[in-house]
Amino acid sequence: MPPCRQTEVSPRFSNGRYGLLVDLRGGAASYVHGDHYAVTRGPNRSYFEVEGDVEIGPGLTVLAAPGHAPGQIAMMVDLPSGAFLLTSDAISRSAEIDEKFAGSWDEQAAIASADRLMRLASQRDAFVIYGHCPEQWPELKKAPEFYR
């Protein structure tokens, strides 16, 4: 798959709408910030846009989490061993919750999204993987290890 490319934001992604381009056969990538977005596409792939929380495949749910950026998302992944919440930039580090998401596109939306994500994680007893947490990094599995 080619690397992400940065381009101009599509008008359809303004006003907080987001797009997640997903290929259920083996690739996914997209992010939308207010001023730019990146997309990874492979040849012969099928893509679709989603809004709100959407189950895009068995055990894979896209969670709307605006705040860091208008179209911020997180993912809930269900594996046989349990649920995993991938927070991405919605909660980049656990300390960001106490810091009240200072500097986010919409700090109040970021707080509300983080509260909702952590509540969902608690309800599902999910293992939370933060988007950019150096303190968590040593405890995470890395290739060739993986979560089952």
N, C-alpha and C. Protein backbone atom coordinates (compact mmCIF):
# COMPACT_ATOMS: atom_id res chain seq x y z
N MET A 1 0.85 -1.18 0.00
CA MET A 1 0.00 0.00 0.00
C MET A 1 0.89 1.24 0.00
N PRO A 2 0.58 2.24 -0.80
CA PRO A 2 1.43 3.44 -0.84
C PRO A 2 1.31 4.23 0.45
N PRO A 3 2.28 5.08 0.76
CA PRO A 3 2.20 5.89 1.97
C PRO A 3 1.08 6.91 1.88
N CYS A 4 0.67 7.43 3.05
CA CYS A 4 -0.37 8.46 3.09
C CYS A 4 0.12 9.69 2.33
N ARG A 5 -0.82 10.37 1.73
CA ARG A 5 -0.48 11.63 1.09
C ARG A 5 -1.36 12.71 1.69
N GLN A 6 -0.85 13.88 1.77
CA GLN A 6 -1.61 15.00 2.30
C GLN A 6 -2.12 15.82 1.13
N THR A 7 -3.35 16.26 1.22
CA THR A 7 -3.95 17.02 0.13
C THR A 7 -4.91 18.04 0.70
N GLU A 8 -5.58 18.78 -0.14
CA GLU A 8 -6.55 19.78 0.32
C GLU A 8 -7.77 19.08 0.90
N VAL A 9 -8.39 19.71 1.88
CA VAL A 9 -9.57 19.12 2.50
C VAL A 9 -10.75 19.22 1.54
N SER A 10 -11.49 18.16 1.46
CA SER A 10 -12.68 18.12 0.62
C SER A 10 -13.78 18.94 1.28
N PRO A 11 -14.55 19.73 0.51
CA PRO A 11 -15.63 20.51 1.11
C PRO A 11 -16.64 19.64 1.86
N ARG A 12 -16.79 18.39 1.47
CA ARG A 12 -17.77 17.55 2.15
C ARG A 12 -17.32 17.18 3.56
N PHE A 13 -16.05 17.44 3.91
CA PHE A 13 -15.58 17.14 5.25
C PHE A 13 -15.59 18.36 6.16
N SER A 14 -16.12 19.47 5.69
CA SER A 14 -16.22 20.64 6.55
C SER A 14 -17.40 20.45 7.49
N ASN A 15 -17.55 21.30 8.45
CA ASN A 15 -18.66 21.25 9.41
C ASN A 15 -18.69 19.99 10.25
N GLY A 16 -17.53 19.40 10.52
CA GLY A 16 -17.46 18.29 11.47
C GLY A 16 -17.79 16.93 10.92
N ARG A 17 -18.14 16.80 9.65
CA ARG A 17 -18.40 15.48 9.08
C ARG A 17 -17.05 14.82 8.83
N TYR A 18 -17.02 13.51 8.92
CA TYR A 18 -15.75 12.85 8.67
C TYR A 18 -15.93 11.70 7.70
N GLY A 19 -14.84 11.32 7.12
CA GLY A 19 -14.85 10.15 6.27
C GLY A 19 -13.78 9.19 6.75
N LEU A 20 -14.12 7.95 6.79
CA LEU A 20 -13.13 6.91 7.06
C LEU A 20 -13.15 6.01 5.86
N LEU A 21 -12.04 5.90 5.20
CA LEU A 21 -11.97 5.04 4.04
C LEU A 21 -11.43 3.70 4.51
N VAL A 22 -12.24 2.67 4.31
CA VAL A 22 -11.91 1.37 4.87
C VAL A 22 -11.97 0.31 3.80
N ASP A 23 -11.00 -0.55 3.80
CA ASP A 23 -11.02 -1.72 2.94
C ASP A 23 -11.05 -2.92 3.85
N LEU A 24 -12.16 -3.62 3.88
CA LEU A 24 -12.30 -4.76 4.80
C LEU A 24 -11.44 -5.95 4.39
N ARG A 25 -10.84 -5.88 3.20
CA ARG A 25 -9.98 -6.98 2.76
C ARG A 25 -8.54 -6.79 3.17
N GLY A 26 -8.22 -5.73 3.91
CA GLY A 26 -6.85 -5.68 4.36
C GLY A 26 -6.21 -4.32 4.47
N GLY A 27 -6.92 -3.24 4.31
CA GLY A 27 -6.27 -1.96 4.47
C GLY A 27 -7.26 -0.93 4.93
N ALA A 28 -6.80 0.03 5.67
CA ALA A 28 -7.65 1.14 6.08
C ALA A 28 -6.76 2.31 6.39
N ALA A 29 -7.19 3.45 6.00
CA ALA A 29 -6.45 4.62 6.45
C ALA A 29 -7.14 5.88 5.99
N SER A 30 -7.34 6.76 6.90
CA SER A 30 -7.80 8.09 6.58
C SER A 30 -7.84 8.88 7.85
N TYR A 31 -7.52 10.14 7.75
CA TYR A 31 -7.80 11.04 8.84
C TYR A 31 -8.21 12.36 8.24
N VAL A 32 -9.03 13.07 8.97
CA VAL A 32 -9.53 14.35 8.49
C VAL A 32 -9.34 15.38 9.59
N HIS A 33 -8.52 16.37 9.37
CA HIS A 33 -8.39 17.51 10.24
C HIS A 33 -9.10 18.67 9.56
N GLY A 34 -9.26 19.76 10.24
CA GLY A 34 -9.98 20.88 9.67
C GLY A 34 -9.33 21.45 8.42
N ASP A 35 -8.02 21.33 8.30
CA ASP A 35 -7.34 21.96 7.17
C ASP A 35 -6.68 20.97 6.22
N HIS A 36 -6.72 19.69 6.50
CA HIS A 36 -6.11 18.72 5.61
C HIS A 36 -6.62 17.32 5.93
N TYR A 37 -6.40 16.42 5.01
CA TYR A 37 -6.69 15.02 5.27
C TYR A 37 -5.70 14.15 4.52
N ALA A 38 -5.58 12.92 4.94
CA ALA A 38 -4.68 11.99 4.28
C ALA A 38 -5.45 10.72 3.99
N VAL A 39 -5.12 10.12 2.89
CA VAL A 39 -5.80 8.90 2.48
C VAL A 39 -4.77 7.93 1.95
N THR A 40 -4.88 6.70 2.36
CA THR A 40 -4.08 5.64 1.78
C THR A 40 -5.02 4.78 0.97
N ARG A 41 -4.68 4.58 -0.26
CA ARG A 41 -5.51 3.75 -1.12
C ARG A 41 -4.62 2.75 -1.83
N GLY A 42 -5.15 1.57 -1.98
CA GLY A 42 -4.45 0.55 -2.74
C GLY A 42 -5.20 0.27 -4.02
N PRO A 43 -4.58 -0.38 -4.95
CA PRO A 43 -5.27 -0.70 -6.20
C PRO A 43 -6.38 -1.72 -5.95
N ASN A 44 -7.41 -1.62 -6.74
CA ASN A 44 -8.51 -2.60 -6.71
C ASN A 44 -9.14 -2.73 -5.34
N ARG A 45 -9.36 -1.63 -4.65
CA ARG A 45 -9.97 -1.63 -3.32
C ARG A 45 -11.33 -0.94 -3.39
N SER A 46 -12.20 -1.27 -2.45
CA SER A 46 -13.50 -0.62 -2.35
C SER A 46 -13.52 0.25 -1.11
N TYR A 47 -14.05 1.46 -1.21
CA TYR A 47 -14.06 2.42 -0.11
C TYR A 47 -15.46 2.98 0.08
N PHE A 48 -15.76 3.39 1.30
CA PHE A 48 -17.03 4.03 1.58
C PHE A 48 -16.87 5.00 2.74
N GLU A 49 -17.73 5.99 2.82
CA GLU A 49 -17.70 6.96 3.90
C GLU A 49 -18.67 6.53 4.99
N VAL A 50 -18.35 6.88 6.22
CA VAL A 50 -19.24 6.59 7.34
C VAL A 50 -19.43 7.86 8.16
N GLU A 51 -20.55 7.92 8.86
CA GLU A 51 -20.83 9.01 9.80
C GLU A 51 -21.31 8.40 11.10
N GLY A 52 -20.95 9.02 12.24
CA GLY A 52 -21.38 8.51 13.54
C GLY A 52 -20.67 7.21 13.87
N ASP A 53 -21.19 6.47 14.84
CA ASP A 53 -20.64 5.17 15.20
C ASP A 53 -21.17 4.14 14.21
N VAL A 54 -20.25 3.37 13.64
CA VAL A 54 -20.64 2.41 12.62
C VAL A 54 -19.84 1.13 12.78
N GLU A 55 -20.54 0.00 12.82
CA GLU A 55 -19.85 -1.29 12.76
C GLU A 55 -19.52 -1.54 11.30
N ILE A 56 -18.24 -1.59 10.98
CA ILE A 56 -17.83 -1.73 9.59
C ILE A 56 -17.46 -3.17 9.23
N GLY A 57 -17.49 -4.03 10.21
CA GLY A 57 -17.22 -5.44 10.00
C GLY A 57 -17.35 -6.15 11.33
N PRO A 58 -17.38 -7.47 11.30
CA PRO A 58 -17.51 -8.20 12.56
C PRO A 58 -16.41 -7.81 13.54
N GLY A 59 -16.81 -7.27 14.69
CA GLY A 59 -15.86 -6.92 15.73
C GLY A 59 -15.06 -5.66 15.49
N LEU A 60 -15.48 -4.82 14.55
CA LEU A 60 -14.75 -3.60 14.24
C LEU A 60 -15.73 -2.44 14.13
N THR A 61 -15.70 -1.55 15.13
CA THR A 61 -16.64 -0.43 15.18
C THR A 61 -15.89 0.89 15.18
N VAL A 62 -16.26 1.75 14.24
CA VAL A 62 -15.75 3.12 14.18
C VAL A 62 -16.56 3.95 15.16
N LEU A 63 -15.89 4.70 16.02
CA LEU A 63 -16.55 5.55 17.01
C LEU A 63 -16.25 7.02 16.72
N ALA A 64 -17.28 7.79 16.50
CA ALA A 64 -17.10 9.23 16.31
C ALA A 64 -16.57 9.82 17.61
N ALA A 65 -15.52 10.63 17.52
CA ALA A 65 -14.90 11.21 18.72
C ALA A 65 -14.36 12.60 18.42
N PRO A 66 -15.22 13.51 17.96
CA PRO A 66 -14.73 14.85 17.61
C PRO A 66 -14.17 15.59 18.81
N GLY A 67 -13.28 16.50 18.53
CA GLY A 67 -12.67 17.31 19.59
C GLY A 67 -11.25 17.67 19.21
N HIS A 68 -10.38 16.67 19.14
CA HIS A 68 -9.02 16.92 18.67
C HIS A 68 -9.08 17.55 17.28
N ALA A 69 -9.94 16.99 16.46
CA ALA A 69 -10.23 17.50 15.12
C ALA A 69 -11.71 17.25 14.85
N PRO A 70 -12.30 17.96 13.91
CA PRO A 70 -13.74 17.80 13.67
C PRO A 70 -14.15 16.37 13.35
N GLY A 71 -13.35 15.66 12.60
CA GLY A 71 -13.72 14.32 12.19
C GLY A 71 -12.97 13.22 12.91
N GLN A 72 -12.52 13.48 14.13
CA GLN A 72 -11.72 12.51 14.87
C GLN A 72 -12.52 11.23 15.10
N ILE A 73 -11.83 10.11 15.01
CA ILE A 73 -12.46 8.81 15.28
C ILE A 73 -11.60 8.00 16.23
N ALA A 74 -12.21 6.98 16.78
CA ALA A 74 -11.53 5.93 17.54
C ALA A 74 -12.11 4.62 17.03
N MET A 75 -11.53 3.51 17.43
CA MET A 75 -12.01 2.21 16.98
C MET A 75 -12.15 1.28 18.19
N MET A 76 -13.24 0.51 18.20
CA MET A 76 -13.40 -0.57 19.16
C MET A 76 -13.22 -1.86 18.37
N VAL A 77 -12.29 -2.66 18.83
CA VAL A 77 -11.97 -3.91 18.14
C VAL A 77 -12.27 -5.06 19.10
N ASP A 78 -13.09 -5.99 18.66
CA ASP A 78 -13.41 -7.17 19.46
C ASP A 78 -12.61 -8.35 18.97
N LEU A 79 -11.78 -8.89 19.84
CA LEU A 79 -11.00 -10.08 19.55
C LEU A 79 -11.45 -11.19 20.50
N PRO A 80 -11.10 -12.43 20.21
CA PRO A 80 -11.49 -13.51 21.13
C PRO A 80 -11.02 -13.28 22.56
N SER A 81 -9.89 -12.58 22.74
CA SER A 81 -9.37 -12.35 24.09
C SER A 81 -10.07 -11.18 24.78
N GLY A 82 -10.85 -10.39 24.05
CA GLY A 82 -11.54 -9.26 24.66
C GLY A 82 -11.59 -8.06 23.73
N ALA A 83 -12.11 -6.96 24.26
CA ALA A 83 -12.27 -5.72 23.49
C ALA A 83 -11.04 -4.84 23.66
N PHE A 84 -10.72 -4.11 22.60
CA PHE A 84 -9.61 -3.16 22.58
C PHE A 84 -10.15 -1.84 22.05
N LEU A 85 -9.89 -0.76 22.76
CA LEU A 85 -10.26 0.58 22.30
C LEU A 85 -9.00 1.27 21.81
N LEU A 86 -8.98 1.61 20.53
CA LEU A 86 -7.87 2.34 19.93
C LEU A 86 -8.30 3.80 19.87
N THR A 87 -7.73 4.62 20.73
CA THR A 87 -8.22 6.00 20.87
C THR A 87 -7.71 6.94 19.79
N SER A 88 -6.62 6.60 19.14
CA SER A 88 -6.03 7.49 18.14
C SER A 88 -5.74 8.84 18.80
N ASP A 89 -5.98 9.94 18.10
CA ASP A 89 -5.74 11.26 18.67
C ASP A 89 -6.89 11.74 19.55
N ALA A 90 -7.99 10.99 19.62
CA ALA A 90 -9.09 11.39 20.50
C ALA A 90 -8.61 11.47 21.95
N ILE A 91 -7.75 10.54 22.34
CA ILE A 91 -7.05 10.59 23.64
C ILE A 91 -5.64 10.11 23.34
N SER A 92 -4.75 11.04 23.08
CA SER A 92 -3.41 10.64 22.66
C SER A 92 -2.58 10.04 23.78
N ARG A 93 -2.81 10.53 25.00
CA ARG A 93 -2.10 10.03 26.19
C ARG A 93 -3.11 10.03 27.33
N SER A 94 -2.95 9.15 28.28
CA SER A 94 -3.89 9.12 29.40
C SER A 94 -3.89 10.44 30.16
N ALA A 95 -2.75 11.11 30.24
CA ALA A 95 -2.65 12.39 30.96
C ALA A 95 -3.46 13.49 30.28
N GLU A 96 -3.76 13.32 29.02
CA GLU A 96 -4.51 14.34 28.29
C GLU A 96 -5.92 14.52 28.89
N ILE A 97 -6.46 13.50 29.51
CA ILE A 97 -7.77 13.61 30.15
C ILE A 97 -7.71 14.65 31.26
N ASP A 98 -6.70 14.57 32.12
CA ASP A 98 -6.53 15.54 33.21
C ASP A 98 -6.15 16.92 32.69
N GLU A 99 -5.48 16.97 31.57
CA GLU A 99 -5.07 18.25 30.97
C GLU A 99 -6.22 18.94 30.24
N LYS A 100 -7.36 18.28 30.16
CA LYS A 100 -8.58 18.85 29.55
C LYS A 100 -8.40 19.20 28.08
N PHE A 101 -7.52 18.47 27.39
CA PHE A 101 -7.37 18.57 25.95
C PHE A 101 -7.05 19.99 25.47
N ALA A 102 -6.22 20.66 26.25
CA ALA A 102 -5.81 22.03 25.91
C ALA A 102 -5.22 22.07 24.51
N GLY A 103 -5.67 23.02 23.72
CA GLY A 103 -5.16 23.20 22.37
C GLY A 103 -5.89 22.40 21.31
N SER A 104 -6.89 21.64 21.71
CA SER A 104 -7.67 20.88 20.73
C SER A 104 -8.52 21.81 19.87
N TRP A 105 -8.96 21.31 18.76
CA TRP A 105 -9.86 22.07 17.88
C TRP A 105 -11.08 22.55 18.66
N ASP A 106 -11.67 21.66 19.49
CA ASP A 106 -12.82 22.00 20.32
C ASP A 106 -12.64 21.27 21.65
N GLU A 107 -12.11 21.97 22.64
CA GLU A 107 -11.77 21.34 23.91
C GLU A 107 -12.98 20.70 24.60
N GLN A 108 -14.13 21.35 24.57
CA GLN A 108 -15.33 20.77 25.22
C GLN A 108 -15.78 19.51 24.49
N ALA A 109 -15.73 19.51 23.17
CA ALA A 109 -16.08 18.31 22.41
C ALA A 109 -15.08 17.19 22.70
N ALA A 110 -13.80 17.54 22.83
CA ALA A 110 -12.77 16.54 23.13
C ALA A 110 -13.01 15.92 24.50
N ILE A 111 -13.38 16.73 25.48
CA ILE A 111 -13.68 16.22 26.82
C ILE A 111 -14.88 15.29 26.76
N ALA A 112 -15.94 15.70 26.06
CA ALA A 112 -17.14 14.87 25.95
C ALA A 112 -16.84 13.56 25.23
N SER A 113 -16.05 13.62 24.17
CA SER A 113 -15.69 12.39 23.44
C SER A 113 -14.86 11.46 24.30
N ALA A 114 -13.89 12.02 25.02
CA ALA A 114 -13.05 11.19 25.89
C ALA A 114 -13.88 10.54 27.00
N ASP A 115 -14.80 11.30 27.58
CA ASP A 115 -15.68 10.73 28.61
C ASP A 115 -16.47 9.56 28.04
N ARG A 116 -17.02 9.76 26.86
CA ARG A 116 -17.82 8.69 26.24
C ARG A 116 -16.96 7.48 25.91
N LEU A 117 -15.77 7.70 25.35
CA LEU A 117 -14.88 6.59 25.01
C LEU A 117 -14.48 5.81 26.25
N MET A 118 -14.12 6.50 27.32
CA MET A 118 -13.69 5.81 28.54
C MET A 118 -14.87 5.08 29.20
N ARG A 119 -16.06 5.65 29.08
CA ARG A 119 -17.25 4.96 29.59
C ARG A 119 -17.51 3.66 28.79
N LEU A 120 -17.39 3.75 27.46
CA LEU A 120 -17.55 2.56 26.63
C LEU A 120 -16.49 1.51 26.96
N ALA A 121 -15.26 1.96 27.15
CA ALA A 121 -14.18 1.03 27.51
C ALA A 121 -14.47 0.35 28.83
N SER A 122 -14.97 1.11 29.79
CA SER A 122 -15.30 0.54 31.10
C SER A 122 -16.44 -0.47 30.98
N GLN A 123 -17.47 -0.12 30.23
CA GLN A 123 -18.61 -1.02 30.05
C GLN A 123 -18.20 -2.32 29.36
N ARG A 124 -17.25 -2.24 28.45
CA ARG A 124 -16.82 -3.41 27.68
C ARG A 124 -15.60 -4.09 28.30
N ASP A 125 -15.08 -3.53 29.40
CA ASP A 125 -13.84 -4.00 30.00
C ASP A 125 -12.74 -4.07 28.93
N ALA A 126 -12.67 -3.01 28.12
CA ALA A 126 -11.74 -2.97 26.99
C ALA A 126 -10.36 -2.51 27.44
N PHE A 127 -9.37 -3.06 26.78
CA PHE A 127 -7.99 -2.60 26.95
C PHE A 127 -7.84 -1.35 26.09
N VAL A 128 -7.46 -0.23 26.69
CA VAL A 128 -7.36 1.05 25.99
C VAL A 128 -5.93 1.23 25.49
N ILE A 129 -5.80 1.48 24.20
CA ILE A 129 -4.51 1.79 23.60
C ILE A 129 -4.58 3.24 23.12
N TYR A 130 -3.78 4.09 23.78
CA TYR A 130 -3.77 5.51 23.47
C TYR A 130 -2.98 5.78 22.20
N GLY A 131 -3.29 6.87 21.54
CA GLY A 131 -2.69 7.18 20.25
C GLY A 131 -1.20 7.48 20.27
N HIS A 132 -0.71 8.17 21.32
CA HIS A 132 0.70 8.60 21.37
C HIS A 132 1.20 8.59 22.80
N CYS A 133 1.20 7.46 23.45
CA CYS A 133 1.54 7.43 24.87
C CYS A 133 2.87 6.70 25.09
N PRO A 134 3.96 7.46 25.27
CA PRO A 134 5.26 6.82 25.46
C PRO A 134 5.32 5.96 26.72
N GLU A 135 4.53 6.32 27.74
CA GLU A 135 4.53 5.52 28.98
C GLU A 135 3.86 4.16 28.74
N GLN A 136 2.91 4.10 27.84
CA GLN A 136 2.22 2.84 27.57
C GLN A 136 2.99 1.96 26.59
N TRP A 137 3.79 2.58 25.75
CA TRP A 137 4.46 1.87 24.67
C TRP A 137 5.19 0.59 25.12
N PRO A 138 5.97 0.60 26.20
CA PRO A 138 6.69 -0.62 26.58
C PRO A 138 5.79 -1.82 26.88
N GLU A 139 4.55 -1.56 27.34
CA GLU A 139 3.68 -2.68 27.69
C GLU A 139 2.89 -3.23 26.51
N LEU A 140 2.91 -2.54 25.37
CA LEU A 140 2.14 -2.98 24.21
C LEU A 140 2.89 -4.05 23.43
N LYS A 141 2.15 -4.99 22.85
CA LYS A 141 2.74 -6.00 21.98
C LYS A 141 3.16 -5.34 20.68
N LYS A 142 4.29 -5.79 20.17
CA LYS A 142 4.81 -5.30 18.90
C LYS A 142 5.18 -6.51 18.04
N ALA A 143 5.16 -6.31 16.73
CA ALA A 143 5.47 -7.41 15.81
C ALA A 143 6.81 -8.04 16.20
N PRO A 144 6.89 -9.34 16.18
CA PRO A 144 5.93 -10.30 15.62
C PRO A 144 4.81 -10.71 16.59
N GLU A 145 4.80 -10.18 17.79
CA GLU A 145 3.70 -10.48 18.70
C GLU A 145 2.44 -9.77 18.23
N PHE A 146 1.29 -10.24 18.68
CA PHE A 146 0.03 -9.58 18.33
C PHE A 146 -1.04 -9.98 19.34
N TYR A 147 -2.10 -9.21 19.37
CA TYR A 147 -3.24 -9.48 20.24
C TYR A 147 -4.18 -10.43 19.52
N ARG A 148 -4.68 -11.40 20.28
CA ARG A 148 -5.58 -12.41 19.69
C ARG A 148 -6.98 -12.21 20.15
